[in-house]
Every structure is written in C-alpha cells, then in structure tokens.
Amino acid sequence: IVFGAFIGRRVYRNWGLRTGRFKICPHCGGYYRGDPIYCPHC
C-alpha cells in the first residue's frame, strides 16, 4: 500500500505536469494548481 501510494502520487504529478494542470514554482520548486498571484507554499 505504501509503495503503491508513492508510485501513484508520482504518476499523478507527472500526468498533471504534462497536461498543464500543475505548475512548478520557480522559487521553491513546489507544485501548484491554477493561476495564483502568490505561491501557496513559499
């Protein structure tokens, strides 16, 4: 279950980056959705 969750999370993140649903913050490297003014992580 633990390894399946890690692999599934990676696959979902890569799929989101390919389709444009997720973007990467240039400052902290965190992933975010949508088009915010400020990074939700940093």
PDB file of all heavy atoms in Angstrom:
ATOM      1  N   ILE A   1       0.838  -1.210   0.000  1.00  0.00           N
ATOM      2  CA  ILE A   1       0.000   0.000   0.000  1.00  0.00           C
ATOM      3  C   ILE A   1       0.870   1.256   0.000  1.00  0.00           C
ATOM      4  O   ILE A   1       0.606   2.207  -0.743  1.00  0.00           O
ATOM      5  CB  ILE A   1      -0.965  -0.014   1.198  1.00  0.00           C
ATOM      6  CG1 ILE A   1      -2.027  -1.090   0.999  1.00  0.00           C
ATOM      7  CG2 ILE A   1      -1.615   1.345   1.393  1.00  0.00           C
ATOM      8  CD1 ILE A   1      -2.907  -1.331   2.203  1.00  0.00           C
ATOM      9  N   VAL A   2       1.927   1.266   0.811  1.00  0.00           N
ATOM     10  CA  VAL A   2       2.800   2.442   0.894  1.00  0.00           C
ATOM     11  C   VAL A   2       3.512   2.673  -0.428  1.00  0.00           C
ATOM     12  O   VAL A   2       3.527   3.792  -0.958  1.00  0.00           O
ATOM     13  CB  VAL A   2       3.808   2.285   2.056  1.00  0.00           C
ATOM     14  CG1 VAL A   2       4.880   3.348   1.989  1.00  0.00           C
ATOM     15  CG2 VAL A   2       3.086   2.347   3.384  1.00  0.00           C
ATOM     16  N   PHE A   3       4.102   1.640  -1.010  1.00  0.00           N
ATOM     17  CA  PHE A   3       4.797   1.797  -2.286  1.00  0.00           C
ATOM     18  C   PHE A   3       3.826   2.144  -3.410  1.00  0.00           C
ATOM     19  O   PHE A   3       4.140   2.936  -4.296  1.00  0.00           O
ATOM     20  CB  PHE A   3       5.588   0.546  -2.635  1.00  0.00           C
ATOM     21  CG  PHE A   3       6.826   0.366  -1.809  1.00  0.00           C
ATOM     22  CD1 PHE A   3       7.118  -0.855  -1.238  1.00  0.00           C
ATOM     23  CD2 PHE A   3       7.699   1.422  -1.589  1.00  0.00           C
ATOM     24  CE1 PHE A   3       8.249  -1.028  -0.467  1.00  0.00           C
ATOM     25  CE2 PHE A   3       8.828   1.266  -0.819  1.00  0.00           C
ATOM     26  CZ  PHE A   3       9.113   0.036  -0.258  1.00  0.00           C
ATOM     27  N   GLY A   4       2.632   1.580  -3.362  1.00  0.00           N
ATOM     28  CA  GLY A   4       1.620   1.917  -4.363  1.00  0.00           C
ATOM     29  C   GLY A   4       1.209   3.378  -4.274  1.00  0.00           C
ATOM     30  O   GLY A   4       0.987   4.034  -5.297  1.00  0.00           O
ATOM     31  N   ALA A   5       1.117   3.900  -3.063  1.00  0.00           N
ATOM     32  CA  ALA A   5       0.757   5.309  -2.888  1.00  0.00           C
ATOM     33  C   ALA A   5       1.858   6.220  -3.428  1.00  0.00           C
ATOM     34  O   ALA A   5       1.580   7.231  -4.089  1.00  0.00           O
ATOM     35  CB  ALA A   5       0.496   5.609  -1.421  1.00  0.00           C
ATOM     36  N   PHE A   6       3.128   5.889  -3.152  1.00  0.00           N
ATOM     37  CA  PHE A   6       4.222   6.704  -3.666  1.00  0.00           C
ATOM     38  C   PHE A   6       4.279   6.679  -5.188  1.00  0.00           C
ATOM     39  O   PHE A   6       4.449   7.716  -5.834  1.00  0.00           O
ATOM     40  CB  PHE A   6       5.564   6.236  -3.103  1.00  0.00           C
ATOM     41  CG  PHE A   6       5.826   6.699  -1.706  1.00  0.00           C
ATOM     42  CD1 PHE A   6       6.155   5.795  -0.711  1.00  0.00           C
ATOM     43  CD2 PHE A   6       5.740   8.037  -1.370  1.00  0.00           C
ATOM     44  CE1 PHE A   6       6.399   6.203   0.581  1.00  0.00           C
ATOM     45  CE2 PHE A   6       5.980   8.464  -0.076  1.00  0.00           C
ATOM     46  CZ  PHE A   6       6.303   7.546   0.901  1.00  0.00           C
ATOM     47  N   ILE A   7       4.125   5.506  -5.773  1.00  0.00           N
ATOM     48  CA  ILE A   7       4.167   5.394  -7.235  1.00  0.00           C
ATOM     49  C   ILE A   7       2.967   6.105  -7.851  1.00  0.00           C
ATOM     50  O   ILE A   7       3.100   6.819  -8.847  1.00  0.00           O
ATOM     51  CB  ILE A   7       4.231   3.919  -7.644  1.00  0.00           C
ATOM     52  CG1 ILE A   7       5.591   3.340  -7.251  1.00  0.00           C
ATOM     53  CG2 ILE A   7       4.002   3.757  -9.138  1.00  0.00           C
ATOM     54  CD1 ILE A   7       5.696   1.846  -7.405  1.00  0.00           C
ATOM     55  N   GLY A   8       1.789   5.940  -7.256  1.00  0.00           N
ATOM     56  CA  GLY A   8       0.595   6.605  -7.772  1.00  0.00           C
ATOM     57  C   GLY A   8       0.699   8.115  -7.700  1.00  0.00           C
ATOM     58  O   GLY A   8       0.270   8.822  -8.614  1.00  0.00           O
ATOM     59  N   ARG A   9       1.285   8.620  -6.630  1.00  0.00           N
ATOM     60  CA  ARG A   9       1.454  10.069  -6.495  1.00  0.00           C
ATOM     61  C   ARG A   9       2.391  10.607  -7.563  1.00  0.00           C
ATOM     62  O   ARG A   9       2.153  11.664  -8.144  1.00  0.00           O
ATOM     63  CB  ARG A   9       1.995  10.375  -5.103  1.00  0.00           C
ATOM     64  CG  ARG A   9       2.121  11.826  -4.823  1.00  0.00           C
ATOM     65  CD  ARG A   9       2.589  12.049  -3.407  1.00  0.00           C
ATOM     66  NE  ARG A   9       2.703  13.470  -3.153  1.00  0.00           N
ATOM     67  CZ  ARG A   9       3.299  13.969  -2.120  1.00  0.00           C
ATOM     68  NH1 ARG A   9       3.838  13.180  -1.223  1.00  0.00           N
ATOM     69  NH2 ARG A   9       3.369  15.263  -1.949  1.00  0.00           N
ATOM     70  N   ARG A  10       3.466   9.872  -7.836  1.00  0.00           N
ATOM     71  CA  ARG A  10       4.413  10.298  -8.878  1.00  0.00           C
ATOM     72  C   ARG A  10       3.778  10.292 -10.253  1.00  0.00           C
ATOM     73  O   ARG A  10       3.960  11.218 -11.049  1.00  0.00           O
ATOM     74  CB  ARG A  10       5.604   9.360  -8.895  1.00  0.00           C
ATOM     75  CG  ARG A  10       6.741   9.806  -8.103  1.00  0.00           C
ATOM     76  CD  ARG A  10       7.925   8.994  -8.589  1.00  0.00           C
ATOM     77  NE  ARG A  10       8.988   9.866  -8.946  1.00  0.00           N
ATOM     78  CZ  ARG A  10      10.103   9.962  -8.270  1.00  0.00           C
ATOM     79  NH1 ARG A  10      10.297   9.217  -7.225  1.00  0.00           N
ATOM     80  NH2 ARG A  10      11.026  10.792  -8.635  1.00  0.00           N
ATOM     81  N   VAL A  11       3.014   9.250 -10.552  1.00  0.00           N
ATOM     82  CA  VAL A  11       2.341   9.153 -11.848  1.00  0.00           C
ATOM     83  C   VAL A  11       1.335  10.287 -12.003  1.00  0.00           C
ATOM     84  O   VAL A  11       1.257  10.931 -13.048  1.00  0.00           O
ATOM     85  CB  VAL A  11       1.661   7.771 -11.996  1.00  0.00           C
ATOM     86  CG1 VAL A  11       0.730   7.744 -13.187  1.00  0.00           C
ATOM     87  CG2 VAL A  11       2.711   6.684 -12.113  1.00  0.00           C
ATOM     88  N   TYR A  12       0.560  10.576 -10.950  1.00  0.00           N
ATOM     89  CA  TYR A  12      -0.435  11.649 -11.000  1.00  0.00           C
ATOM     90  C   TYR A  12       0.228  13.010 -11.187  1.00  0.00           C
ATOM     91  O   TYR A  12      -0.241  13.840 -11.958  1.00  0.00           O
ATOM     92  CB  TYR A  12      -1.268  11.628  -9.716  1.00  0.00           C
ATOM     93  CG  TYR A  12      -2.329  12.692  -9.659  1.00  0.00           C
ATOM     94  CD1 TYR A  12      -3.432  12.644 -10.502  1.00  0.00           C
ATOM     95  CD2 TYR A  12      -2.234  13.755  -8.772  1.00  0.00           C
ATOM     96  CE1 TYR A  12      -4.406  13.613 -10.461  1.00  0.00           C
ATOM     97  CE2 TYR A  12      -3.205  14.731  -8.711  1.00  0.00           C
ATOM     98  CZ  TYR A  12      -4.289  14.654  -9.562  1.00  0.00           C
ATOM     99  OH  TYR A  12      -5.248  15.623  -9.528  1.00  0.00           O
ATOM    100  N   ARG A  13       1.346  13.241 -10.492  1.00  0.00           N
ATOM    101  CA  ARG A  13       2.059  14.509 -10.614  1.00  0.00           C
ATOM    102  C   ARG A  13       2.630  14.680 -12.024  1.00  0.00           C
ATOM    103  O   ARG A  13       2.512  15.751 -12.622  1.00  0.00           O
ATOM    104  CB  ARG A  13       3.159  14.592  -9.574  1.00  0.00           C
ATOM    105  CG  ARG A  13       3.880  15.907  -9.578  1.00  0.00           C
ATOM    106  CD  ARG A  13       4.889  16.005  -8.490  1.00  0.00           C
ATOM    107  NE  ARG A  13       5.579  14.745  -8.283  1.00  0.00           N
ATOM    108  CZ  ARG A  13       6.397  14.485  -7.298  1.00  0.00           C
ATOM    109  NH1 ARG A  13       6.632  15.383  -6.395  1.00  0.00           N
ATOM    110  NH2 ARG A  13       6.984  13.324  -7.186  1.00  0.00           N
ATOM    111  N   ASN A  14       3.230  13.634 -12.582  1.00  0.00           N
ATOM    112  CA  ASN A  14       3.779  13.719 -13.935  1.00  0.00           C
ATOM    113  C   ASN A  14       2.682  13.934 -14.964  1.00  0.00           C
ATOM    114  O   ASN A  14       2.850  14.679 -15.921  1.00  0.00           O
ATOM    115  CB  ASN A  14       4.585  12.467 -14.266  1.00  0.00           C
ATOM    116  CG  ASN A  14       5.887  12.416 -13.510  1.00  0.00           C
ATOM    117  OD1 ASN A  14       6.389  13.434 -13.058  1.00  0.00           O
ATOM    118  ND2 ASN A  14       6.430  11.226 -13.351  1.00  0.00           N
ATOM    119  N   TRP A  15       1.541  13.277 -14.763  1.00  0.00           N
ATOM    120  CA  TRP A  15       0.413  13.467 -15.669  1.00  0.00           C
ATOM    121  C   TRP A  15      -0.080  14.916 -15.596  1.00  0.00           C
ATOM    122  O   TRP A  15      -0.394  15.526 -16.611  1.00  0.00           O
ATOM    123  CB  TRP A  15      -0.710  12.510 -15.295  1.00  0.00           C
ATOM    124  CG  TRP A  15      -1.989  12.793 -16.004  1.00  0.00           C
ATOM    125  CD1 TRP A  15      -2.306  12.474 -17.278  1.00  0.00           C
ATOM    126  CD2 TRP A  15      -3.113  13.488 -15.469  1.00  0.00           C
ATOM    127  NE1 TRP A  15      -3.555  12.910 -17.566  1.00  0.00           N
ATOM    128  CE2 TRP A  15      -4.076  13.540 -16.473  1.00  0.00           C
ATOM    129  CE3 TRP A  15      -3.388  14.050 -14.236  1.00  0.00           C
ATOM    130  CZ2 TRP A  15      -5.309  14.145 -16.283  1.00  0.00           C
ATOM    131  CZ3 TRP A  15      -4.603  14.658 -14.053  1.00  0.00           C
ATOM    132  CH2 TRP A  15      -5.560  14.699 -15.066  1.00  0.00           C
ATOM    133  N   GLY A  16      -0.156  15.471 -14.389  1.00  0.00           N
ATOM    134  CA  GLY A  16      -0.602  16.851 -14.216  1.00  0.00           C
ATOM    135  C   GLY A  16       0.348  17.853 -14.842  1.00  0.00           C
ATOM    136  O   GLY A  16      -0.074  18.867 -15.388  1.00  0.00           O
ATOM    137  N   LEU A  17       1.650  17.590 -14.770  1.00  0.00           N
ATOM    138  CA  LEU A  17       2.615  18.484 -15.407  1.00  0.00           C
ATOM    139  C   LEU A  17       2.520  18.408 -16.921  1.00  0.00           C
ATOM    140  O   LEU A  17       2.625  19.420 -17.611  1.00  0.00           O
ATOM    141  CB  LEU A  17       4.037  18.155 -14.942  1.00  0.00           C
ATOM    142  CG  LEU A  17       4.376  18.544 -13.511  1.00  0.00           C
ATOM    143  CD1 LEU A  17       5.730  17.979 -13.115  1.00  0.00           C
ATOM    144  CD2 LEU A  17       4.361  20.044 -13.358  1.00  0.00           C
ATOM    145  N   ARG A  18       2.333  17.209 -17.461  1.00  0.00           N
ATOM    146  CA  ARG A  18       2.234  17.049 -18.914  1.00  0.00           C
ATOM    147  C   ARG A  18       0.991  17.723 -19.468  1.00  0.00           C
ATOM    148  O   ARG A  18       1.022  18.305 -20.554  1.00  0.00           O
ATOM    149  CB  ARG A  18       2.203  15.569 -19.293  1.00  0.00           C
ATOM    150  CG  ARG A  18       3.532  14.943 -19.445  1.00  0.00           C
ATOM    151  CD  ARG A  18       3.458  13.608 -20.180  1.00  0.00           C
ATOM    152  NE  ARG A  18       2.272  12.838 -19.895  1.00  0.00           N
ATOM    153  CZ  ARG A  18       2.184  11.857 -19.002  1.00  0.00           C
ATOM    154  NH1 ARG A  18       3.229  11.529 -18.299  1.00  0.00           N
ATOM    155  NH2 ARG A  18       1.050  11.207 -18.828  1.00  0.00           N
ATOM    156  N   THR A  19      -0.127  17.616 -18.759  1.00  0.00           N
ATOM    157  CA  THR A  19      -1.381  18.188 -19.257  1.00  0.00           C
ATOM    158  C   THR A  19      -1.525  19.663 -18.921  1.00  0.00           C
ATOM    159  O   THR A  19      -2.445  20.305 -19.411  1.00  0.00           O
ATOM    160  CB  THR A  19      -2.588  17.423 -18.677  1.00  0.00           C
ATOM    161  OG1 THR A  19      -2.554  17.500 -17.255  1.00  0.00           O
ATOM    162  CG2 THR A  19      -2.592  15.987 -19.134  1.00  0.00           C
ATOM    163  N   GLY A  20      -0.653  20.208 -18.083  1.00  0.00           N
ATOM    164  CA  GLY A  20      -0.720  21.624 -17.750  1.00  0.00           C
ATOM    165  C   GLY A  20      -1.577  21.940 -16.540  1.00  0.00           C
ATOM    166  O   GLY A  20      -1.847  23.106 -16.263  1.00  0.00           O
ATOM    167  N   ARG A  21      -2.035  20.948 -15.804  1.00  0.00           N
ATOM    168  CA  ARG A  21      -2.847  21.202 -14.616  1.00  0.00           C
ATOM    169  C   ARG A  21      -2.013  21.696 -13.453  1.00  0.00           C
ATOM    170  O   ARG A  21      -2.495  22.448 -12.626  1.00  0.00           O
ATOM    171  CB  ARG A  21      -3.589  19.945 -14.197  1.00  0.00           C
ATOM    172  CG  ARG A  21      -4.660  19.570 -15.157  1.00  0.00           C
ATOM    173  CD  ARG A  21      -5.392  18.353 -14.671  1.00  0.00           C
ATOM    174  NE  ARG A  21      -6.378  17.967 -15.643  1.00  0.00           N
ATOM    175  CZ  ARG A  21      -7.633  17.716 -15.356  1.00  0.00           C
ATOM    176  NH1 ARG A  21      -8.029  17.788 -14.112  1.00  0.00           N
ATOM    177  NH2 ARG A  21      -8.468  17.386 -16.288  1.00  0.00           N
ATOM    178  N   PHE A  22      -0.776  21.237 -13.347  1.00  0.00           N
ATOM    179  CA  PHE A  22       0.122  21.651 -12.285  1.00  0.00           C
ATOM    180  C   PHE A  22       1.242  22.493 -12.871  1.00  0.00           C
ATOM    181  O   PHE A  22       1.654  22.282 -14.002  1.00  0.00           O
ATOM    182  CB  PHE A  22       0.755  20.462 -11.569  1.00  0.00           C
ATOM    183  CG  PHE A  22      -0.228  19.553 -10.904  1.00  0.00           C
ATOM    184  CD1 PHE A  22      -0.143  18.192 -11.060  1.00  0.00           C
ATOM    185  CD2 PHE A  22      -1.235  20.055 -10.105  1.00  0.00           C
ATOM    186  CE1 PHE A  22      -1.028  17.349 -10.442  1.00  0.00           C
ATOM    187  CE2 PHE A  22      -2.129  19.224  -9.477  1.00  0.00           C
ATOM    188  CZ  PHE A  22      -2.025  17.861  -9.655  1.00  0.00           C
ATOM    189  N   LYS A  23       1.722  23.430 -12.091  1.00  0.00           N
ATOM    190  CA  LYS A  23       2.875  24.239 -12.472  1.00  0.00           C
ATOM    191  C   LYS A  23       3.880  24.201 -11.338  1.00  0.00           C
ATOM    192  O   LYS A  23       3.527  23.937 -10.195  1.00  0.00           O
ATOM    193  CB  LYS A  23       2.441  25.670 -12.752  1.00  0.00           C
ATOM    194  CG  LYS A  23       1.488  25.774 -13.919  1.00  0.00           C
ATOM    195  CD  LYS A  23       0.970  27.165 -14.090  1.00  0.00           C
ATOM    196  CE  LYS A  23      -0.097  27.170 -15.166  1.00  0.00           C
ATOM    197  NZ  LYS A  23      -0.954  28.309 -15.081  1.00  0.00           N
ATOM    198  N   ILE A  24       5.147  24.481 -11.646  1.00  0.00           N
ATOM    199  CA  ILE A  24       6.211  24.438 -10.655  1.00  0.00           C
ATOM    200  C   ILE A  24       6.611  25.859 -10.295  1.00  0.00           C
ATOM    201  O   ILE A  24       6.847  26.686 -11.174  1.00  0.00           O
ATOM    202  CB  ILE A  24       7.422  23.666 -11.187  1.00  0.00           C
ATOM    203  CG1 ILE A  24       7.027  22.235 -11.513  1.00  0.00           C
ATOM    204  CG2 ILE A  24       8.553  23.670 -10.180  1.00  0.00           C
ATOM    205  CD1 ILE A  24       8.122  21.431 -12.170  1.00  0.00           C
ATOM    206  N   CYS A  25       6.703  26.137  -9.005  1.00  0.00           N
ATOM    207  CA  CYS A  25       7.143  27.447  -8.531  1.00  0.00           C
ATOM    208  C   CYS A  25       8.637  27.590  -8.813  1.00  0.00           C
ATOM    209  O   CYS A  25       9.431  26.715  -8.461  1.00  0.00           O
ATOM    210  CB  CYS A  25       6.879  27.569  -7.041  1.00  0.00           C
ATOM    211  SG  CYS A  25       7.533  29.081  -6.316  1.00  0.00           S
ATOM    212  N   PRO A  26       9.069  28.703  -9.431  1.00  0.00           N
ATOM    213  CA  PRO A  26      10.500  28.881  -9.705  1.00  0.00           C
ATOM    214  C   PRO A  26      11.323  29.180  -8.451  1.00  0.00           C
ATOM    215  O   PRO A  26      12.537  29.044  -8.470  1.00  0.00           O
ATOM    216  CB  PRO A  26      10.537  30.064 -10.668  1.00  0.00           C
ATOM    217  CG  PRO A  26       9.263  30.799 -10.437  1.00  0.00           C
ATOM    218  CD  PRO A  26       8.268  29.782  -9.990  1.00  0.00           C
ATOM    219  N   HIS A  27      10.667  29.556  -7.349  1.00  0.00           N
ATOM    220  CA  HIS A  27      11.387  29.908  -6.129  1.00  0.00           C
ATOM    221  C   HIS A  27      11.634  28.703  -5.228  1.00  0.00           C
ATOM    222  O   HIS A  27      12.746  28.483  -4.762  1.00  0.00           O
ATOM    223  CB  HIS A  27      10.623  30.977  -5.350  1.00  0.00           C
ATOM    224  CG  HIS A  27      10.334  32.200  -6.162  1.00  0.00           C
ATOM    225  ND1 HIS A  27      11.292  33.119  -6.477  1.00  0.00           N
ATOM    226  CD2 HIS A  27       9.181  32.625  -6.742  1.00  0.00           C
ATOM    227  CE1 HIS A  27      10.754  34.079  -7.210  1.00  0.00           C
ATOM    228  NE2 HIS A  27       9.473  33.802  -7.384  1.00  0.00           N
ATOM    229  N   CYS A  28      10.579  27.923  -4.966  1.00  0.00           N
ATOM    230  CA  CYS A  28      10.716  26.817  -4.010  1.00  0.00           C
ATOM    231  C   CYS A  28      10.638  25.438  -4.661  1.00  0.00           C
ATOM    232  O   CYS A  28      10.970  24.450  -4.033  1.00  0.00           O
ATOM    233  CB  CYS A  28       9.655  26.929  -2.918  1.00  0.00           C
ATOM    234  SG  CYS A  28       7.965  26.672  -3.495  1.00  0.00           S
ATOM    235  N   GLY A  29      10.165  25.358  -5.901  1.00  0.00           N
ATOM    236  CA  GLY A  29      10.054  24.067  -6.575  1.00  0.00           C
ATOM    237  C   GLY A  29       8.791  23.311  -6.231  1.00  0.00           C
ATOM    238  O   GLY A  29       8.632  22.166  -6.640  1.00  0.00           O
ATOM    239  N   GLY A  30       7.880  23.935  -5.496  1.00  0.00           N
ATOM    240  CA  GLY A  30       6.618  23.291  -5.135  1.00  0.00           C
ATOM    241  C   GLY A  30       5.637  23.312  -6.302  1.00  0.00           C
ATOM    242  O   GLY A  30       5.719  24.142  -7.207  1.00  0.00           O
ATOM    243  N   TYR A  31       4.693  22.378  -6.281  1.00  0.00           N
ATOM    244  CA  TYR A  31       3.688  22.289  -7.326  1.00  0.00           C
ATOM    245  C   TYR A  31       2.439  23.025  -6.880  1.00  0.00           C
ATOM    246  O   TYR A  31       2.059  22.977  -5.722  1.00  0.00           O
ATOM    247  CB  TYR A  31       3.341  20.827  -7.598  1.00  0.00           C
ATOM    248  CG  TYR A  31       4.513  20.038  -8.107  1.00  0.00           C
ATOM    249  CD1 TYR A  31       5.330  19.326  -7.247  1.00  0.00           C
ATOM    250  CD2 TYR A  31       4.799  20.013  -9.455  1.00  0.00           C
ATOM    251  CE1 TYR A  31       6.411  18.607  -7.720  1.00  0.00           C
ATOM    252  CE2 TYR A  31       5.872  19.299  -9.941  1.00  0.00           C
ATOM    253  CZ  TYR A  31       6.671  18.596  -9.069  1.00  0.00           C
ATOM    254  OH  TYR A  31       7.736  17.894  -9.543  1.00  0.00           O
ATOM    255  N   TYR A  32       1.777  23.702  -7.819  1.00  0.00           N
ATOM    256  CA  TYR A  32       0.527  24.380  -7.513  1.00  0.00           C
ATOM    257  C   TYR A  32      -0.412  24.259  -8.695  1.00  0.00           C
ATOM    258  O   TYR A  32       0.005  23.970  -9.809  1.00  0.00           O
ATOM    259  CB  TYR A  32       0.760  25.851  -7.148  1.00  0.00           C
ATOM    260  CG  TYR A  32       1.394  26.680  -8.239  1.00  0.00           C
ATOM    261  CD1 TYR A  32       0.600  27.355  -9.159  1.00  0.00           C
ATOM    262  CD2 TYR A  32       2.764  26.814  -8.339  1.00  0.00           C
ATOM    263  CE1 TYR A  32       1.156  28.121 -10.156  1.00  0.00           C
ATOM    264  CE2 TYR A  32       3.334  27.572  -9.330  1.00  0.00           C
ATOM    265  CZ  TYR A  32       2.529  28.226 -10.243  1.00  0.00           C
ATOM    266  OH  TYR A  32       3.085  28.975 -11.237  1.00  0.00           O
ATOM    267  N   ARG A  33      -1.714  24.452  -8.426  1.00  0.00           N
ATOM    268  CA  ARG A  33      -2.733  24.388  -9.463  1.00  0.00           C
ATOM    269  C   ARG A  33      -3.291  25.781  -9.705  1.00  0.00           C
ATOM    270  O   ARG A  33      -3.263  26.635  -8.835  1.00  0.00           O
ATOM    271  CB  ARG A  33      -3.871  23.492  -9.015  1.00  0.00           C
ATOM    272  CG  ARG A  33      -3.481  22.065  -8.845  1.00  0.00           C
ATOM    273  CD  ARG A  33      -4.604  21.277  -8.289  1.00  0.00           C
ATOM    274  NE  ARG A  33      -5.435  20.796  -9.376  1.00  0.00           N
ATOM    275  CZ  ARG A  33      -6.475  20.008  -9.211  1.00  0.00           C
ATOM    276  NH1 ARG A  33      -6.838  19.658  -8.024  1.00  0.00           N
ATOM    277  NH2 ARG A  33      -7.151  19.599 -10.252  1.00  0.00           N
ATOM    278  N   GLY A  34      -3.811  25.990 -10.876  1.00  0.00           N
ATOM    279  CA  GLY A  34      -4.467  27.245 -11.190  1.00  0.00           C
ATOM    280  C   GLY A  34      -3.484  28.330 -11.589  1.00  0.00           C
ATOM    281  O   GLY A  34      -2.402  28.065 -12.089  1.00  0.00           O
ATOM    282  N   ASP A  35      -3.886  29.570 -11.356  1.00  0.00           N
ATOM    283  CA  ASP A  35      -3.088  30.720 -11.762  1.00  0.00           C
ATOM    284  C   ASP A  35      -3.017  31.735 -10.615  1.00  0.00           C
ATOM    285  O   ASP A  35      -3.528  32.847 -10.727  1.00  0.00           O
ATOM    286  CB  ASP A  35      -3.737  31.341 -12.996  1.00  0.00           C
ATOM    287  CG  ASP A  35      -2.780  32.223 -13.757  1.00  0.00           C
ATOM    288  OD1 ASP A  35      -1.560  32.082 -13.567  1.00  0.00           O
ATOM    289  OD2 ASP A  35      -3.256  33.055 -14.546  1.00  0.00           O
ATOM    290  N   PRO A  36      -2.385  31.389  -9.487  1.00  0.00           N
ATOM    291  CA  PRO A  36      -2.359  32.305  -8.343  1.00  0.00           C
ATOM    292  C   PRO A  36      -1.334  33.425  -8.518  1.00  0.00           C
ATOM    293  O   PRO A  36      -0.408  33.332  -9.323  1.00  0.00           O
ATOM    294  CB  PRO A  36      -1.965  31.406  -7.173  1.00  0.00           C
ATOM    295  CG  PRO A  36      -1.121  30.370  -7.800  1.00  0.00           C
ATOM    296  CD  PRO A  36      -1.725  30.131  -9.161  1.00  0.00           C
ATOM    297  N   ILE A  37      -1.512  34.489  -7.765  1.00  0.00           N
ATOM    298  CA  ILE A  37      -0.561  35.595  -7.759  1.00  0.00           C
ATOM    299  C   ILE A  37       0.659  35.228  -6.921  1.00  0.00           C
ATOM    300  O   ILE A  37       1.787  35.513  -7.290  1.00  0.00           O
ATOM    301  CB  ILE A  37      -1.223  36.862  -7.177  1.00  0.00           C
ATOM    302  CG1 ILE A  37      -2.470  37.246  -7.951  1.00  0.00           C
ATOM    303  CG2 ILE A  37      -0.234  38.015  -7.126  1.00  0.00           C
ATOM    304  CD1 ILE A  37      -2.232  37.841  -9.301  1.00  0.00           C
ATOM    305  N   TYR A  38       0.424  34.575  -5.786  1.00  0.00           N
ATOM    306  CA  TYR A  38       1.499  34.170  -4.869  1.00  0.00           C
ATOM    307  C   TYR A  38       1.567  32.648  -4.797  1.00  0.00           C
ATOM    308  O   TYR A  38       0.556  31.968  -4.918  1.00  0.00           O
ATOM    309  CB  TYR A  38       1.244  34.718  -3.464  1.00  0.00           C
ATOM    310  CG  TYR A  38       1.243  36.214  -3.396  1.00  0.00           C
ATOM    311  CD1 TYR A  38       0.058  36.931  -3.380  1.00  0.00           C
ATOM    312  CD2 TYR A  38       2.433  36.920  -3.357  1.00  0.00           C
ATOM    313  CE1 TYR A  38       0.053  38.313  -3.334  1.00  0.00           C
ATOM    314  CE2 TYR A  38       2.443  38.301  -3.300  1.00  0.00           C
ATOM    315  CZ  TYR A  38       1.258  38.987  -3.290  1.00  0.00           C
ATOM    316  OH  TYR A  38       1.263  40.350  -3.236  1.00  0.00           O
ATOM    317  N   CYS A  39       2.753  32.113  -4.573  1.00  0.00           N
ATOM    318  CA  CYS A  39       2.936  30.671  -4.407  1.00  0.00           C
ATOM    319  C   CYS A  39       2.269  30.232  -3.099  1.00  0.00           C
ATOM    320  O   CYS A  39       2.499  30.841  -2.056  1.00  0.00           O
ATOM    321  CB  CYS A  39       4.423  30.326  -4.383  1.00  0.00           C
ATOM    322  SG  CYS A  39       4.753  28.584  -4.054  1.00  0.00           S
ATOM    323  N   PRO A  40       1.461  29.175  -3.123  1.00  0.00           N
ATOM    324  CA  PRO A  40       0.812  28.723  -1.891  1.00  0.00           C
ATOM    325  C   PRO A  40       1.778  28.084  -0.891  1.00  0.00           C
ATOM    326  O   PRO A  40       1.436  27.927   0.273  1.00  0.00           O
ATOM    327  CB  PRO A  40      -0.220  27.704  -2.380  1.00  0.00           C
ATOM    328  CG  PRO A  40       0.219  27.310  -3.733  1.00  0.00           C
ATOM    329  CD  PRO A  40       1.016  28.429  -4.285  1.00  0.00           C
ATOM    330  N   HIS A  41       2.986  27.745  -1.324  1.00  0.00           N
ATOM    331  CA  HIS A  41       3.944  27.089  -0.428  1.00  0.00           C
ATOM    332  C   HIS A  41       4.913  28.078   0.212  1.00  0.00           C
ATOM    333  O   HIS A  41       5.120  28.051   1.416  1.00  0.00           O
ATOM    334  CB  HIS A  41       4.732  26.018  -1.187  1.00  0.00           C
ATOM    335  CG  HIS A  41       3.855  24.978  -1.806  1.00  0.00           C
ATOM    336  ND1 HIS A  41       3.176  24.051  -1.072  1.00  0.00           N
ATOM    337  CD2 HIS A  41       3.526  24.753  -3.094  1.00  0.00           C
ATOM    338  CE1 HIS A  41       2.475  23.282  -1.873  1.00  0.00           C
ATOM    339  NE2 HIS A  41       2.663  23.691  -3.106  1.00  0.00           N
ATOM    340  N   CYS A  42       5.513  28.945  -0.604  1.00  0.00           N
ATOM    341  CA  CYS A  42       6.541  29.842  -0.065  1.00  0.00           C
ATOM    342  C   CYS A  42       6.089  31.297   0.027  1.00  0.00           C
ATOM    343  O   CYS A  42       6.724  32.094   0.694  1.00  0.00           O
ATOM    344  CB  CYS A  42       7.813  29.746  -0.905  1.00  0.00           C
ATOM    345  SG  CYS A  42       7.640  30.333  -2.608  1.00  0.00           S
TER     346      CYS A  42
END
